[in-house]
Amino acid sequence: MFKIKVERTVNKPIDEVFEAISDHASYGLFKAVGTAKLLTKGDDERNGVGALRTIQTGPVKFWERITAFERPTHMQYQIEKAKPVKMRHDKGVIDLKDLGDGTTHVTWISEGRLIVPLPLIGRLLDRQMQKQGTIGFSSILKTIESR
């Protein structure tokens, strides 16, 4: 099982951080992400609840559904499919807190399990996913701060 948790204080206002994290179109600006496309618009907001997007990072592509969207403090997502690997995604949560001084505390959590026929290989791949996910989420937050 992989458990990714990244916490960072970003030197930007909460509205700006939330917009960058929630808008699929901004993902192309992040080194950790190759491309992101919106396949289905959200119910009330373009990138809100119900939105389905693909995110390509390196050789892996994810289909991600937005399941909660509370501007500007909370967002949840579910990875419905991944290729070329299979995955069971249990949790995708992003929480933001306005620290009152123009900075925002971000907590980004993603948990799940890569599905492979050999348990030992699965555990190794889960560790790799955890490591790469932590690097990727951290990179995204650093990029938001440096804009």
Protein backbone atom coordinates (compact mmCIF):
# COMPACT_ATOMS: atom_id res chain seq x y z
CA MET A 1 0.00 0.00 0.00
CA PHE A 2 1.25 3.49 -0.75
CA LYS A 3 0.56 6.40 1.59
CA ILE A 4 1.61 9.79 0.34
CA LYS A 5 1.31 12.81 2.61
CA VAL A 6 2.87 16.14 1.74
CA GLU A 7 2.49 19.18 3.99
CA ARG A 8 3.87 22.55 3.01
CA THR A 9 3.31 26.20 3.76
CA VAL A 10 3.10 28.04 0.45
CA ASN A 11 3.93 31.73 0.35
CA LYS A 12 0.80 32.59 -1.66
CA PRO A 13 -2.81 33.50 -0.75
CA ILE A 14 -5.24 30.60 -0.34
CA ASP A 15 -7.39 31.53 -3.36
CA GLU A 16 -4.37 31.50 -5.66
CA VAL A 17 -3.13 28.15 -4.31
CA PHE A 18 -6.56 26.52 -4.57
CA GLU A 19 -7.02 27.75 -8.14
CA ALA A 20 -3.64 26.35 -9.21
CA ILE A 21 -4.30 22.97 -7.58
CA SER A 22 -7.89 22.58 -8.77
CA ASP A 23 -7.57 23.86 -12.35
CA HIS A 24 -6.57 21.02 -14.68
CA ALA A 25 -5.24 23.52 -17.25
CA SER A 26 -2.51 24.70 -14.86
CA TYR A 27 -1.10 21.17 -14.47
CA GLY A 28 0.79 21.45 -17.73
CA LEU A 29 2.96 24.11 -16.05
CA PHE A 30 4.22 21.65 -13.45
CA LYS A 31 7.44 19.69 -14.14
CA ALA A 32 5.96 16.63 -12.42
CA VAL A 33 3.06 16.53 -14.89
CA GLY A 34 3.28 16.05 -18.63
CA THR A 35 -0.30 16.80 -19.65
CA ALA A 36 -3.72 17.13 -18.08
CA LYS A 37 -7.02 17.11 -19.95
CA LEU A 38 -10.55 17.69 -18.78
CA LEU A 39 -12.77 14.91 -20.16
CA THR A 40 -15.99 15.80 -18.32
CA LYS A 41 -16.86 19.14 -16.75
CA GLY A 42 -17.96 19.28 -13.13
CA ASP A 43 -21.59 19.68 -12.10
CA ASP A 44 -21.41 23.27 -10.78
CA GLU A 45 -17.86 24.33 -11.65
CA ARG A 46 -15.72 23.30 -14.60
CA ASN A 47 -13.15 21.53 -12.36
CA GLY A 48 -15.56 20.82 -9.49
CA VAL A 49 -17.50 17.77 -8.29
CA GLY A 50 -18.06 15.28 -11.09
CA ALA A 51 -15.19 16.53 -13.27
CA LEU A 52 -13.15 13.75 -14.85
CA ARG A 53 -9.62 14.52 -15.97
CA THR A 54 -6.62 12.63 -17.21
CA ILE A 55 -3.17 13.36 -15.86
CA GLN A 56 -0.08 12.02 -17.61
CA THR A 57 3.11 11.88 -15.59
CA GLY A 58 5.99 10.10 -17.24
CA PRO A 59 4.77 6.77 -18.60
CA VAL A 60 1.75 6.63 -16.23
CA LYS A 61 -1.68 8.04 -17.03
CA PHE A 62 -4.39 8.53 -14.39
CA TRP A 63 -8.13 9.07 -14.78
CA GLU A 64 -9.15 11.18 -11.82
CA ARG A 65 -12.71 12.10 -10.74
CA ILE A 66 -13.33 15.10 -8.45
CA THR A 67 -15.57 13.92 -5.58
CA ALA A 68 -15.57 16.97 -3.26
CA PHE A 69 -14.91 20.62 -4.05
CA GLU A 70 -15.21 23.30 -1.38
CA ARG A 71 -13.56 26.47 -2.64
CA PRO A 72 -10.94 27.46 -1.36
CA THR A 73 -10.24 24.96 1.42
CA HIS A 74 -10.95 21.39 0.38
CA MET A 75 -10.89 19.05 -2.58
CA GLN A 76 -11.13 15.26 -2.91
CA TYR A 77 -10.48 13.03 -5.88
CA GLN A 78 -10.67 9.36 -6.79
CA ILE A 79 -8.32 7.76 -9.29
CA GLU A 80 -10.71 5.56 -11.26
CA LYS A 81 -8.14 4.05 -13.60
CA ALA A 82 -4.41 4.08 -14.27
CA LYS A 83 -2.31 2.77 -17.16
CA PRO A 84 -0.04 0.91 -17.69
CA VAL A 85 -0.42 -0.09 -14.03
CA LYS A 86 -3.63 -1.07 -12.26
CA MET A 87 -4.44 0.57 -8.98
CA ARG A 88 -6.98 0.68 -6.19
CA HIS A 89 -7.17 4.28 -4.98
CA ASP A 90 -8.60 4.66 -1.49
CA LYS A 91 -8.08 8.33 -0.71
CA GLY A 92 -7.20 11.59 -2.45
CA VAL A 93 -7.59 14.69 -0.28
CA ILE A 94 -6.20 18.22 -0.51
CA ASP A 95 -6.84 20.58 2.41
CA LEU A 96 -5.80 24.23 2.50
CA LYS A 97 -5.70 26.57 5.47
CA ASP A 98 -5.32 30.34 5.26
CA LEU A 99 -2.64 31.29 7.78
CA GLY A 100 -3.73 34.93 7.73
CA ASP A 101 -0.43 36.40 6.55
CA GLY A 102 -0.74 35.77 2.83
CA THR A 103 0.47 32.18 3.20
CA THR A 104 -1.40 28.91 2.88
CA HIS A 105 -0.80 25.59 4.62
CA VAL A 106 -1.47 22.66 2.25
CA THR A 107 -1.94 19.03 3.23
CA TRP A 108 -2.08 16.63 0.26
CA ILE A 109 -2.85 12.95 0.88
CA SER A 110 -3.12 10.08 -1.57
CA GLU A 111 -3.45 6.42 -0.55
CA GLY A 112 -3.96 3.22 -2.45
CA ARG A 113 -2.41 0.05 -3.74
CA LEU A 114 -0.94 -0.95 -7.08
CA ILE A 115 -2.44 -4.20 -8.28
CA VAL A 116 0.12 -6.71 -9.56
CA PRO A 117 0.01 -10.51 -9.54
CA LEU A 118 3.14 -10.90 -7.38
CA PRO A 119 2.83 -9.45 -3.84
CA LEU A 120 6.57 -8.81 -3.43
CA ILE A 121 6.70 -6.85 -6.70
CA GLY A 122 3.53 -5.01 -5.64
CA ARG A 123 5.13 -3.86 -2.38
CA LEU A 124 8.21 -2.63 -4.26
CA LEU A 125 6.05 -0.74 -6.76
CA ASP A 126 3.94 0.75 -3.92
CA ARG A 127 7.15 2.08 -2.32
CA GLN A 128 8.21 3.57 -5.65
CA MET A 129 4.75 5.13 -6.09
CA GLN A 130 4.96 6.62 -2.60
CA LYS A 131 8.41 8.07 -3.28
CA GLN A 132 7.52 9.48 -6.72
CA GLY A 133 4.16 10.81 -5.51
CA THR A 134 5.81 12.64 -2.63
CA ILE A 135 8.37 14.17 -5.00
CA GLY A 136 5.65 15.10 -7.51
CA PHE A 137 3.25 16.73 -5.03
CA SER A 138 6.14 18.64 -3.41
CA SER A 139 7.29 19.83 -6.83
CA ILE A 140 3.79 21.07 -7.71
CA LEU A 141 3.56 23.09 -4.48
CA LYS A 142 7.06 24.55 -4.98
CA THR A 143 6.11 25.60 -8.51
CA ILE A 144 2.93 27.30 -7.28
CA GLU A 145 4.98 29.22 -4.74
CA SER A 146 7.61 30.31 -7.28
CA ARG A 147 5.11 31.80 -9.77
